[in-house]
Amino acid sequence: MAISTYSELQTAVANWLDRDDLTARIPEFISLAEARFNRDLRIRAMETKQTASTVADQRNYALPTNYLQMRNFQVNGTPIRILEYVTPEMYDRMWGGTTTGTPYYYTIVADELQLGPTPAAVMTIEMLFYKRFDSLSSTTTTNWVLTNAPDVYLYAALMEAEAFLVNDARLATWSAGYQRGIESLQYADAQDRHSGSAMRIMNTSGNP
């Protein structure tokens, strides 16, 4: 059968387990599967770009919804300024006072970004970051992973199910299938990023 919707995925998990008494548990297995591959994957399909405006004399800003990991962070001006990450400890040493200006650095504390120095005026900041895939539900019936890699969803959910059922004999089988799926997605993503002309080392001005 096709596995292209949340309902079809639930049916497939039940079929592969050959159980009809886990209906209430299968959504839990799928949710745990999503947590697993959101930790394991970092591919272009997870990237999203978001812009925001700073507020003069405000250094703390909330992280975007479903944020996982920063890929690029910049202040859009002339020229564009790429912000460099520093640890919270280093940030406090460098920018713990009241200095304001155009930010050079940032750190992340809890669910907030901290810019250093504190923006002196309204500026446009742009983030390219990895975002969690949308979780499946009765209203969100599909997402990128289910469309492009249903095997990853299926094997990950089966892994969680077998752990629940204490069926260790099958864990290795589903784990191997899941790992192959993850590695295939990462490999395809790497090939896509590096396709075309040969990679070249560029200087800070953007010239080879």
N, C-alpha and C. Protein backbone atom coordinates (compact mmCIF):
# COMPACT_ATOMS: atom_id res chain seq x y z
N MET A 1 0.83 -1.19 0.00
CA MET A 1 0.00 0.00 0.00
C MET A 1 0.87 1.25 0.00
N ALA A 2 0.34 2.34 -0.51
CA ALA A 2 1.06 3.61 -0.49
C ALA A 2 1.12 4.14 0.94
N ILE A 3 2.20 4.85 1.24
CA ILE A 3 2.34 5.51 2.55
C ILE A 3 2.58 6.98 2.28
N SER A 4 1.51 7.73 2.14
CA SER A 4 1.65 9.14 1.79
C SER A 4 0.88 10.06 2.72
N THR A 5 0.12 9.51 3.66
CA THR A 5 -0.64 10.32 4.61
C THR A 5 -0.46 9.76 6.02
N TYR A 6 -0.84 10.56 6.98
CA TYR A 6 -0.75 10.14 8.39
C TYR A 6 -1.55 8.87 8.63
N SER A 7 -2.75 8.83 8.08
CA SER A 7 -3.60 7.65 8.24
C SER A 7 -2.96 6.41 7.63
N GLU A 8 -2.41 6.56 6.43
CA GLU A 8 -1.77 5.42 5.77
C GLU A 8 -0.54 4.96 6.52
N LEU A 9 0.19 5.90 7.11
CA LEU A 9 1.36 5.53 7.91
C LEU A 9 0.95 4.72 9.13
N GLN A 10 -0.10 5.15 9.82
CA GLN A 10 -0.58 4.40 10.98
C GLN A 10 -1.00 2.98 10.58
N THR A 11 -1.67 2.86 9.46
CA THR A 11 -2.09 1.54 8.99
C THR A 11 -0.89 0.68 8.66
N ALA A 12 0.12 1.28 8.02
CA ALA A 12 1.32 0.53 7.65
C ALA A 12 2.07 0.04 8.89
N VAL A 13 2.17 0.87 9.91
CA VAL A 13 2.85 0.45 11.14
C VAL A 13 2.12 -0.74 11.76
N ALA A 14 0.80 -0.68 11.82
CA ALA A 14 0.01 -1.79 12.37
C ALA A 14 0.20 -3.05 11.53
N ASN A 15 0.23 -2.88 10.19
CA ASN A 15 0.39 -4.04 9.31
C ASN A 15 1.76 -4.69 9.50
N TRP A 16 2.80 -3.88 9.56
CA TRP A 16 4.15 -4.43 9.69
C TRP A 16 4.37 -5.07 11.06
N LEU A 17 3.70 -4.56 12.06
CA LEU A 17 3.79 -5.17 13.39
C LEU A 17 2.91 -6.41 13.49
N ASP A 18 1.94 -6.51 12.54
CA ASP A 18 0.95 -7.58 12.56
C ASP A 18 0.19 -7.60 13.88
N ARG A 19 -0.20 -6.40 14.30
CA ARG A 19 -0.95 -6.24 15.55
C ARG A 19 -2.16 -5.34 15.28
N ASP A 20 -3.27 -5.67 15.93
CA ASP A 20 -4.47 -4.84 15.81
C ASP A 20 -4.90 -4.26 17.15
N ASP A 21 -4.00 -4.33 18.13
CA ASP A 21 -4.34 -3.86 19.48
C ASP A 21 -3.49 -2.66 19.91
N LEU A 22 -2.84 -1.99 18.94
CA LEU A 22 -1.95 -0.89 19.28
C LEU A 22 -2.42 0.43 18.68
N THR A 23 -3.69 0.51 18.30
CA THR A 23 -4.21 1.70 17.64
C THR A 23 -3.94 2.97 18.43
N ALA A 24 -4.15 2.89 19.74
CA ALA A 24 -3.97 4.08 20.58
C ALA A 24 -2.49 4.43 20.77
N ARG A 25 -1.60 3.45 20.58
CA ARG A 25 -0.17 3.67 20.80
C ARG A 25 0.57 4.13 19.55
N ILE A 26 0.08 3.78 18.39
CA ILE A 26 0.81 4.08 17.16
C ILE A 26 1.09 5.57 16.98
N PRO A 27 0.16 6.49 17.27
CA PRO A 27 0.53 7.91 17.18
C PRO A 27 1.70 8.28 18.08
N GLU A 28 1.84 7.61 19.23
CA GLU A 28 2.98 7.86 20.10
C GLU A 28 4.27 7.40 19.42
N PHE A 29 4.23 6.22 18.78
CA PHE A 29 5.43 5.72 18.09
C PHE A 29 5.84 6.68 16.98
N ILE A 30 4.87 7.22 16.27
CA ILE A 30 5.16 8.15 15.18
C ILE A 30 5.74 9.46 15.73
N SER A 31 5.20 9.93 16.83
CA SER A 31 5.72 11.14 17.45
C SER A 31 7.17 10.96 17.90
N LEU A 32 7.46 9.80 18.49
CA LEU A 32 8.84 9.50 18.90
C LEU A 32 9.76 9.38 17.69
N ALA A 33 9.23 8.82 16.60
CA ALA A 33 10.01 8.73 15.36
C ALA A 33 10.38 10.11 14.86
N GLU A 34 9.45 11.05 14.93
CA GLU A 34 9.72 12.41 14.49
C GLU A 34 10.80 13.06 15.34
N ALA A 35 10.74 12.84 16.64
CA ALA A 35 11.78 13.39 17.52
C ALA A 35 13.15 12.82 17.15
N ARG A 36 13.16 11.55 16.78
CA ARG A 36 14.43 10.89 16.43
C ARG A 36 15.03 11.48 15.16
N PHE A 37 14.25 11.55 14.06
CA PHE A 37 14.88 12.01 12.82
C PHE A 37 15.09 13.52 12.79
N ASN A 38 14.37 14.27 13.62
CA ASN A 38 14.68 15.70 13.74
C ASN A 38 16.03 15.91 14.42
N ARG A 39 16.42 14.97 15.27
CA ARG A 39 17.75 15.03 15.88
C ARG A 39 18.83 14.57 14.90
N ASP A 40 18.52 13.57 14.09
CA ASP A 40 19.53 12.92 13.26
C ASP A 40 19.78 13.62 11.92
N LEU A 41 18.77 14.28 11.38
CA LEU A 41 18.89 14.87 10.04
C LEU A 41 19.27 16.34 10.09
N ARG A 42 20.12 16.73 9.16
CA ARG A 42 20.38 18.14 8.88
C ARG A 42 20.54 18.25 7.38
N ILE A 43 19.43 18.51 6.67
CA ILE A 43 19.43 18.57 5.22
C ILE A 43 18.75 19.84 4.76
N ARG A 44 18.91 20.14 3.46
CA ARG A 44 18.41 21.39 2.91
C ARG A 44 16.90 21.53 3.09
N ALA A 45 16.18 20.42 3.06
CA ALA A 45 14.72 20.48 3.21
C ALA A 45 14.31 21.04 4.57
N MET A 46 15.24 21.05 5.52
CA MET A 46 14.94 21.56 6.86
C MET A 46 15.30 23.04 6.99
N GLU A 47 15.94 23.60 5.97
CA GLU A 47 16.39 24.99 6.06
C GLU A 47 15.22 25.96 5.81
N THR A 48 15.22 27.02 6.55
CA THR A 48 14.26 28.09 6.31
C THR A 48 14.93 29.42 6.58
N LYS A 49 14.51 30.44 5.85
CA LYS A 49 15.10 31.76 5.98
C LYS A 49 14.05 32.69 6.59
N GLN A 50 14.48 33.48 7.55
CA GLN A 50 13.56 34.38 8.22
C GLN A 50 14.25 35.70 8.52
N THR A 51 13.56 36.79 8.25
CA THR A 51 14.09 38.11 8.57
C THR A 51 13.28 38.74 9.69
N ALA A 52 13.91 39.65 10.40
CA ALA A 52 13.25 40.37 11.50
C ALA A 52 13.93 41.72 11.66
N SER A 53 13.28 42.61 12.35
CA SER A 53 13.85 43.93 12.61
C SER A 53 14.26 44.03 14.07
N THR A 54 15.43 44.58 14.30
CA THR A 54 15.86 44.80 15.68
C THR A 54 15.15 46.02 16.25
N VAL A 55 15.26 46.16 17.55
CA VAL A 55 14.74 47.32 18.27
C VAL A 55 15.93 48.04 18.89
N ALA A 56 16.00 49.33 18.75
CA ALA A 56 17.11 50.08 19.31
C ALA A 56 17.26 49.80 20.80
N ASP A 57 18.48 49.51 21.22
CA ASP A 57 18.83 49.26 22.62
C ASP A 57 18.24 47.96 23.18
N GLN A 58 17.81 47.05 22.30
CA GLN A 58 17.33 45.74 22.76
C GLN A 58 18.27 44.67 22.22
N ARG A 59 18.82 43.84 23.10
CA ARG A 59 19.78 42.84 22.64
C ARG A 59 19.23 41.43 22.61
N ASN A 60 18.11 41.15 23.29
CA ASN A 60 17.55 39.80 23.36
C ASN A 60 16.37 39.65 22.40
N TYR A 61 16.36 38.54 21.63
CA TYR A 61 15.29 38.27 20.67
C TYR A 61 14.94 36.79 20.72
N ALA A 62 13.65 36.49 20.62
CA ALA A 62 13.19 35.10 20.69
C ALA A 62 13.67 34.31 19.48
N LEU A 63 14.04 33.07 19.71
CA LEU A 63 14.37 32.18 18.60
C LEU A 63 13.12 31.88 17.79
N PRO A 64 13.27 31.61 16.49
CA PRO A 64 12.11 31.28 15.66
C PRO A 64 11.43 29.99 16.15
N THR A 65 10.16 29.86 15.83
CA THR A 65 9.41 28.66 16.17
C THR A 65 10.03 27.44 15.49
N ASN A 66 10.15 26.34 16.23
CA ASN A 66 10.69 25.07 15.73
C ASN A 66 12.16 25.17 15.31
N TYR A 67 12.88 26.15 15.85
CA TYR A 67 14.31 26.30 15.59
C TYR A 67 15.08 25.07 16.09
N LEU A 68 16.02 24.60 15.26
CA LEU A 68 16.90 23.51 15.66
C LEU A 68 18.37 23.94 15.74
N GLN A 69 18.84 24.62 14.68
CA GLN A 69 20.27 24.93 14.61
C GLN A 69 20.50 26.04 13.60
N MET A 70 21.40 26.96 13.93
CA MET A 70 21.70 28.07 13.02
C MET A 70 22.61 27.60 11.90
N ARG A 71 22.35 28.09 10.69
CA ARG A 71 23.23 27.83 9.54
C ARG A 71 23.94 29.10 9.11
N ASN A 72 23.24 30.22 9.12
CA ASN A 72 23.86 31.51 8.83
C ASN A 72 23.04 32.61 9.50
N PHE A 73 23.73 33.63 10.00
CA PHE A 73 23.06 34.74 10.68
C PHE A 73 23.76 36.01 10.26
N GLN A 74 23.00 36.99 9.80
CA GLN A 74 23.63 38.20 9.27
C GLN A 74 22.77 39.43 9.52
N VAL A 75 23.45 40.58 9.48
CA VAL A 75 22.77 41.88 9.48
C VAL A 75 22.75 42.36 8.04
N ASN A 76 21.57 42.61 7.50
CA ASN A 76 21.46 43.06 6.12
C ASN A 76 21.68 44.56 6.03
N GLY A 77 22.86 44.92 5.60
CA GLY A 77 23.20 46.33 5.42
C GLY A 77 24.12 46.45 4.23
N THR A 78 24.87 47.53 4.18
CA THR A 78 25.85 47.73 3.11
C THR A 78 27.21 47.99 3.74
N PRO A 79 28.07 46.99 3.83
CA PRO A 79 27.87 45.64 3.30
C PRO A 79 27.09 44.75 4.28
N ILE A 80 26.73 43.55 3.84
CA ILE A 80 26.14 42.56 4.74
C ILE A 80 27.18 42.17 5.78
N ARG A 81 26.75 42.05 7.01
CA ARG A 81 27.67 41.64 8.08
C ARG A 81 27.25 40.27 8.61
N ILE A 82 28.14 39.29 8.46
CA ILE A 82 27.89 37.96 8.97
C ILE A 82 28.21 37.94 10.46
N LEU A 83 27.26 37.49 11.26
CA LEU A 83 27.46 37.46 12.71
C LEU A 83 28.17 36.17 13.12
N GLU A 84 29.08 36.29 14.05
CA GLU A 84 29.87 35.16 14.53
C GLU A 84 29.34 34.69 15.88
N TYR A 85 29.20 33.37 16.04
CA TYR A 85 28.73 32.83 17.31
C TYR A 85 29.84 32.85 18.34
N VAL A 86 29.49 33.21 19.58
CA VAL A 86 30.39 33.08 20.73
C VAL A 86 29.61 32.40 21.86
N THR A 87 30.32 31.82 22.78
CA THR A 87 29.65 31.18 23.91
C THR A 87 29.01 32.24 24.81
N PRO A 88 28.02 31.86 25.62
CA PRO A 88 27.43 32.84 26.55
C PRO A 88 28.46 33.48 27.46
N GLU A 89 29.44 32.68 27.90
CA GLU A 89 30.47 33.22 28.79
C GLU A 89 31.30 34.28 28.08
N MET A 90 31.71 33.99 26.84
CA MET A 90 32.48 34.96 26.08
C MET A 90 31.64 36.19 25.76
N TYR A 91 30.37 35.97 25.47
CA TYR A 91 29.48 37.10 25.19
C TYR A 91 29.44 38.05 26.38
N ASP A 92 29.27 37.51 27.59
CA ASP A 92 29.19 38.36 28.78
C ASP A 92 30.49 39.13 29.01
N ARG A 93 31.63 38.51 28.69
CA ARG A 93 32.90 39.20 28.85
C ARG A 93 33.03 40.36 27.85
N MET A 94 32.54 40.12 26.64
CA MET A 94 32.72 41.11 25.58
C MET A 94 31.63 42.18 25.58
N TRP A 95 30.37 41.75 25.81
CA TRP A 95 29.25 42.65 25.59
C TRP A 95 28.28 42.68 26.77
N GLY A 96 28.76 42.41 27.96
CA GLY A 96 27.88 42.41 29.13
C GLY A 96 27.49 43.80 29.60
N GLY A 97 28.12 44.83 29.05
CA GLY A 97 27.83 46.19 29.47
C GLY A 97 26.74 46.83 28.63
N THR A 98 26.86 48.14 28.41
CA THR A 98 25.81 48.88 27.72
C THR A 98 26.23 49.36 26.34
N THR A 99 27.31 48.80 25.80
CA THR A 99 27.79 49.21 24.49
C THR A 99 26.74 48.94 23.42
N THR A 100 26.54 49.90 22.53
CA THR A 100 25.60 49.72 21.42
C THR A 100 26.33 49.96 20.10
N GLY A 101 25.72 49.49 19.01
CA GLY A 101 26.31 49.66 17.69
C GLY A 101 25.69 48.67 16.73
N THR A 102 26.45 48.32 15.69
CA THR A 102 26.01 47.27 14.77
C THR A 102 26.56 45.94 15.26
N PRO A 103 25.73 44.93 15.46
CA PRO A 103 26.20 43.66 16.02
C PRO A 103 27.27 42.99 15.16
N TYR A 104 28.22 42.37 15.84
CA TYR A 104 29.24 41.53 15.22
C TYR A 104 29.08 40.08 15.64
N TYR A 105 28.54 39.87 16.82
CA TYR A 105 28.48 38.55 17.44
C TYR A 105 27.08 38.24 17.93
N TYR A 106 26.85 36.95 18.19
CA TYR A 106 25.62 36.55 18.84
C TYR A 106 25.88 35.32 19.69
N THR A 107 25.00 35.09 20.65
CA THR A 107 25.01 33.86 21.41
C THR A 107 23.56 33.44 21.61
N ILE A 108 23.38 32.23 22.12
CA ILE A 108 22.04 31.71 22.38
C ILE A 108 21.97 31.28 23.83
N VAL A 109 21.00 31.82 24.54
CA VAL A 109 20.76 31.48 25.94
C VAL A 109 19.29 31.10 26.07
N ALA A 110 19.05 29.87 26.53
CA ALA A 110 17.68 29.35 26.62
C ALA A 110 17.03 29.45 25.24
N ASP A 111 15.93 30.15 25.12
CA ASP A 111 15.24 30.27 23.84
C ASP A 111 15.39 31.67 23.24
N GLU A 112 16.52 32.33 23.55
CA GLU A 112 16.72 33.68 23.06
C GLU A 112 18.08 33.85 22.40
N LEU A 113 18.11 34.69 21.37
CA LEU A 113 19.35 35.18 20.79
C LEU A 113 19.77 36.44 21.51
N GLN A 114 21.07 36.60 21.72
CA GLN A 114 21.60 37.83 22.27
C GLN A 114 22.61 38.39 21.29
N LEU A 115 22.43 39.65 20.89
CA LEU A 115 23.30 40.29 19.91
C LEU A 115 24.33 41.17 20.60
N GLY A 116 25.54 41.19 20.08
CA GLY A 116 26.57 42.01 20.66
C GLY A 116 27.40 42.72 19.58
N PRO A 117 27.59 44.03 19.69
CA PRO A 117 26.96 44.86 20.72
C PRO A 117 25.45 44.99 20.50
N THR A 118 24.77 45.52 21.49
CA THR A 118 23.34 45.74 21.39
C THR A 118 23.03 46.67 20.22
N PRO A 119 22.06 46.30 19.36
CA PRO A 119 21.75 47.18 18.21
C PRO A 119 21.45 48.61 18.65
N ALA A 120 22.06 49.55 17.97
CA ALA A 120 21.86 50.97 18.31
C ALA A 120 20.65 51.55 17.60
N ALA A 121 20.12 50.82 16.61
CA ALA A 121 18.99 51.34 15.83
C ALA A 121 18.22 50.16 15.24
N VAL A 122 17.20 50.47 14.48
CA VAL A 122 16.45 49.42 13.78
C VAL A 122 17.31 48.90 12.63
N MET A 123 17.53 47.59 12.63
CA MET A 123 18.31 46.93 11.58
C MET A 123 17.57 45.67 11.17
N THR A 124 17.83 45.22 9.95
CA THR A 124 17.23 43.98 9.48
C THR A 124 18.22 42.84 9.69
N ILE A 125 17.80 41.85 10.43
CA ILE A 125 18.62 40.66 10.64
C ILE A 125 17.99 39.50 9.87
N GLU A 126 18.83 38.64 9.35
CA GLU A 126 18.36 37.51 8.54
C GLU A 126 18.99 36.23 9.06
N MET A 127 18.14 35.24 9.32
CA MET A 127 18.60 33.94 9.81
C MET A 127 18.29 32.85 8.80
N LEU A 128 19.27 32.02 8.52
CA LEU A 128 19.06 30.78 7.79
C LEU A 128 19.31 29.68 8.80
N PHE A 129 18.28 28.90 9.09
CA PHE A 129 18.41 27.93 10.17
C PHE A 129 17.70 26.63 9.82
N TYR A 130 18.09 25.58 10.53
CA TYR A 130 17.42 24.30 10.40
C TYR A 130 16.18 24.31 11.29
N LYS A 131 15.07 23.87 10.71
CA LYS A 131 13.79 23.88 11.40
C LYS A 131 13.24 22.46 11.47
N ARG A 132 12.57 22.13 12.56
CA ARG A 132 11.93 20.83 12.68
C ARG A 132 10.90 20.64 11.57
N PHE A 133 10.82 19.41 11.06
CA PHE A 133 9.74 19.10 10.13
C PHE A 133 8.40 19.19 10.87
N ASP A 134 7.37 19.61 10.14
CA ASP A 134 6.04 19.66 10.74
C ASP A 134 5.62 18.27 11.21
N SER A 135 5.10 18.18 12.42
CA SER A 135 4.64 16.91 12.95
C SER A 135 3.32 16.51 12.30
N LEU A 136 3.16 15.23 12.06
CA LEU A 136 1.92 14.73 11.48
C LEU A 136 0.80 14.74 12.52
N SER A 137 -0.40 14.97 12.03
CA SER A 137 -1.58 14.98 12.89
C SER A 137 -2.81 14.80 12.01
N SER A 138 -3.97 14.85 12.64
CA SER A 138 -5.21 14.72 11.87
C SER A 138 -5.41 15.90 10.93
N THR A 139 -4.77 17.03 11.23
CA THR A 139 -4.89 18.21 10.37
C THR A 139 -3.67 18.41 9.47
N THR A 140 -2.50 18.00 9.93
CA THR A 140 -1.29 18.01 9.10
C THR A 140 -1.05 16.57 8.69
N THR A 141 -1.57 16.19 7.54
CA THR A 141 -1.61 14.77 7.17
C THR A 141 -0.37 14.30 6.42
N THR A 142 0.50 15.23 6.00
CA THR A 142 1.73 14.83 5.34
C THR A 142 2.78 15.91 5.55
N ASN A 143 4.02 15.58 5.26
CA ASN A 143 5.12 16.55 5.31
C ASN A 143 6.22 16.08 4.38
N TRP A 144 7.34 16.79 4.36
CA TRP A 144 8.40 16.48 3.41
C TRP A 144 8.94 15.07 3.59
N VAL A 145 9.15 14.64 4.82
CA VAL A 145 9.73 13.32 5.08
C VAL A 145 8.80 12.22 4.60
N LEU A 146 7.53 12.32 4.91
CA LEU A 146 6.59 11.28 4.50
C LEU A 146 6.47 11.22 2.98
N THR A 147 6.55 12.36 2.32
CA THR A 147 6.46 12.39 0.86
C THR A 147 7.71 11.83 0.20
N ASN A 148 8.88 12.17 0.74
CA ASN A 148 10.14 11.83 0.09
C ASN A 148 10.86 10.63 0.68
N ALA A 149 10.56 10.29 1.92
CA ALA A 149 11.25 9.16 2.57
C ALA A 149 10.31 8.44 3.54
N PRO A 150 9.23 7.85 3.03
CA PRO A 150 8.30 7.16 3.93
C PRO A 150 8.95 6.01 4.69
N ASP A 151 10.02 5.45 4.13
CA ASP A 151 10.73 4.37 4.82
C ASP A 151 11.33 4.85 6.13
N VAL A 152 11.82 6.09 6.15
CA VAL A 152 12.40 6.64 7.38
C VAL A 152 11.33 6.72 8.46
N TYR A 153 10.17 7.21 8.11
CA TYR A 153 9.05 7.28 9.07
C TYR A 153 8.68 5.88 9.56
N LEU A 154 8.50 4.96 8.60
CA LEU A 154 8.04 3.62 8.96
C LEU A 154 9.03 2.91 9.86
N TYR A 155 10.30 2.86 9.47
CA TYR A 155 11.30 2.14 10.26
C TYR A 155 11.50 2.78 11.63
N ALA A 156 11.48 4.11 11.69
CA ALA A 156 11.65 4.78 12.99
C ALA A 156 10.48 4.47 13.91
N ALA A 157 9.26 4.48 13.37
CA ALA A 157 8.08 4.17 14.19
C ALA A 157 8.12 2.71 14.65
N LEU A 158 8.56 1.81 13.77
CA LEU A 158 8.66 0.39 14.15
C LEU A 158 9.70 0.18 15.24
N MET A 159 10.80 0.93 15.16
CA MET A 159 11.81 0.85 16.23
C MET A 159 11.19 1.19 17.58
N GLU A 160 10.42 2.28 17.62
CA GLU A 160 9.81 2.69 18.88
C GLU A 160 8.78 1.67 19.34
N ALA A 161 8.06 1.07 18.39
CA ALA A 161 7.06 0.08 18.74
C ALA A 161 7.70 -1.17 19.34
N GLU A 162 8.78 -1.64 18.72
CA GLU A 162 9.42 -2.86 19.23
C GLU A 162 10.04 -2.62 20.60
N ALA A 163 10.54 -1.43 20.84
CA ALA A 163 11.05 -1.11 22.18
C ALA A 163 9.91 -1.18 23.20
N PHE A 164 8.74 -0.68 22.82
CA PHE A 164 7.57 -0.74 23.70
C PHE A 164 7.14 -2.18 23.94
N LEU A 165 7.22 -3.00 22.90
CA LEU A 165 6.79 -4.40 23.00
C LEU A 165 7.89 -5.31 23.56
N VAL A 166 9.05 -4.75 23.86
CA VAL A 166 10.21 -5.50 24.35
C VAL A 166 10.54 -6.64 23.38
N ASN A 167 10.51 -6.33 22.11
CA ASN A 167 10.83 -7.31 21.07
C ASN A 167 12.21 -6.98 20.51
N ASP A 168 13.22 -7.29 21.28
CA ASP A 168 14.58 -6.90 20.92
C ASP A 168 15.05 -7.54 19.61
N ALA A 169 14.49 -8.70 19.27
CA ALA A 169 14.94 -9.40 18.07
C ALA A 169 14.69 -8.59 16.80
N ARG A 170 13.66 -7.76 16.79
CA ARG A 170 13.34 -6.98 15.60
C ARG A 170 13.95 -5.58 15.60
N LEU A 171 14.45 -5.15 16.74
CA LEU A 171 14.99 -3.80 16.82
C LEU A 171 16.15 -3.60 15.85
N ALA A 172 17.04 -4.58 15.75
CA ALA A 172 18.20 -4.45 14.88
C ALA A 172 17.79 -4.31 13.41
N THR A 173 16.75 -5.04 13.02
CA THR A 173 16.28 -4.99 11.63
C THR A 173 15.75 -3.60 11.28
N TRP A 174 14.86 -3.08 12.14
CA TRP A 174 14.28 -1.77 11.87
C TRP A 174 15.32 -0.66 12.02
N SER A 175 16.24 -0.84 12.95
CA SER A 175 17.30 0.15 13.14
C SER A 175 18.19 0.24 11.91
N ALA A 176 18.51 -0.91 11.33
CA ALA A 176 19.35 -0.92 10.12
C ALA A 176 18.63 -0.24 8.96
N GLY A 177 17.33 -0.50 8.81
CA GLY A 177 16.55 0.13 7.75
C GLY A 177 16.47 1.63 7.94
N TYR A 178 16.26 2.04 9.19
CA TYR A 178 16.20 3.47 9.50
C TYR A 178 17.53 4.15 9.19
N GLN A 179 18.62 3.52 9.61
CA GLN A 179 19.94 4.13 9.40
C GLN A 179 20.26 4.25 7.92
N ARG A 180 19.89 3.25 7.13
CA ARG A 180 20.11 3.34 5.68
C ARG A 180 19.34 4.52 5.09
N GLY A 181 18.09 4.70 5.54
CA GLY A 181 17.28 5.80 5.05
C GLY A 181 17.89 7.15 5.39
N ILE A 182 18.34 7.31 6.64
CA ILE A 182 18.95 8.57 7.08
C ILE A 182 20.23 8.85 6.29
N GLU A 183 21.06 7.83 6.15
CA GLU A 183 22.32 8.02 5.42
C GLU A 183 22.07 8.35 3.96
N SER A 184 21.04 7.75 3.36
CA SER A 184 20.71 8.03 1.97
C SER A 184 20.26 9.48 1.80
N LEU A 185 19.45 9.99 2.72
CA LEU A 185 19.02 11.38 2.65
C LEU A 185 20.19 12.33 2.82
N GLN A 186 21.08 12.04 3.77
CA GLN A 186 22.23 12.90 3.99
C GLN A 186 23.17 12.87 2.78
N TYR A 187 23.35 11.70 2.19
CA TYR A 187 24.24 11.58 1.03
C TYR A 187 23.67 12.35 -0.15
N ALA A 188 22.38 12.19 -0.41
CA ALA A 188 21.75 12.90 -1.52
C ALA A 188 21.84 14.41 -1.32
N ASP A 189 21.69 14.85 -0.09
CA ASP A 189 21.78 16.28 0.21
C ASP A 189 23.20 16.79 -0.03
N ALA A 190 24.19 16.02 0.39
CA ALA A 190 25.59 16.42 0.19
C ALA A 190 25.91 16.48 -1.30
N GLN A 191 25.41 15.51 -2.06
CA GLN A 191 25.65 15.51 -3.50
C GLN A 191 25.02 16.73 -4.16
N ASP A 192 23.83 17.10 -3.70
CA ASP A 192 23.14 18.25 -4.27
C ASP A 192 23.89 19.54 -3.98
N ARG A 193 24.39 19.68 -2.76
CA ARG A 193 25.10 20.90 -2.37
C ARG A 193 26.41 21.06 -3.14
N HIS A 194 27.03 19.95 -3.50
CA HIS A 194 28.36 20.00 -4.11
C HIS A 194 28.33 19.72 -5.60
N SER A 195 27.13 19.70 -6.20
CA SER A 195 27.06 19.45 -7.64
C SER A 195 27.45 20.70 -8.42
N GLY A 196 27.68 20.54 -9.71
CA GLY A 196 28.06 21.69 -10.54
C GLY A 196 29.56 21.83 -10.65
N SER A 197 30.06 23.07 -10.65
CA SER A 197 31.49 23.31 -10.80
C SER A 197 32.24 22.85 -9.57
N ALA A 198 33.53 22.67 -9.71
CA ALA A 198 34.38 22.21 -8.61
C ALA A 198 34.38 23.24 -7.49
N MET A 199 34.48 22.75 -6.25
CA MET A 199 34.54 23.64 -5.10
C MET A 199 35.84 24.42 -5.11
N ARG A 200 35.77 25.71 -4.71
CA ARG A 200 36.95 26.57 -4.68
C ARG A 200 37.02 27.30 -3.35
N ILE A 201 38.21 27.60 -2.90
CA ILE A 201 38.41 28.39 -1.69
C ILE A 201 38.27 29.85 -2.05
N MET A 202 37.46 30.59 -1.30
CA MET A 202 37.23 32.01 -1.59
C MET A 202 37.75 32.84 -0.44
N ASN A 203 38.17 34.06 -0.74
CA ASN A 203 38.61 34.96 0.32
C ASN A 203 37.42 35.68 0.93
N THR A 204 37.66 36.53 1.91
CA THR A 204 36.56 37.17 2.63
C THR A 204 35.77 38.15 1.78
N SER A 205 36.30 38.55 0.64
CA SER A 205 35.56 39.46 -0.24
C SER A 205 34.63 38.70 -1.18
N GLY A 206 34.68 37.36 -1.12
CA GLY A 206 33.82 36.55 -1.97
C GLY A 206 34.42 36.20 -3.31
N ASN A 207 35.72 36.53 -3.50
CA ASN A 207 36.39 36.22 -4.77
C ASN A 207 37.29 35.00 -4.63
N PRO A 208 37.39 34.17 -5.68
CA PRO A 208 38.25 32.98 -5.62
C PRO A 208 39.72 33.38 -5.47
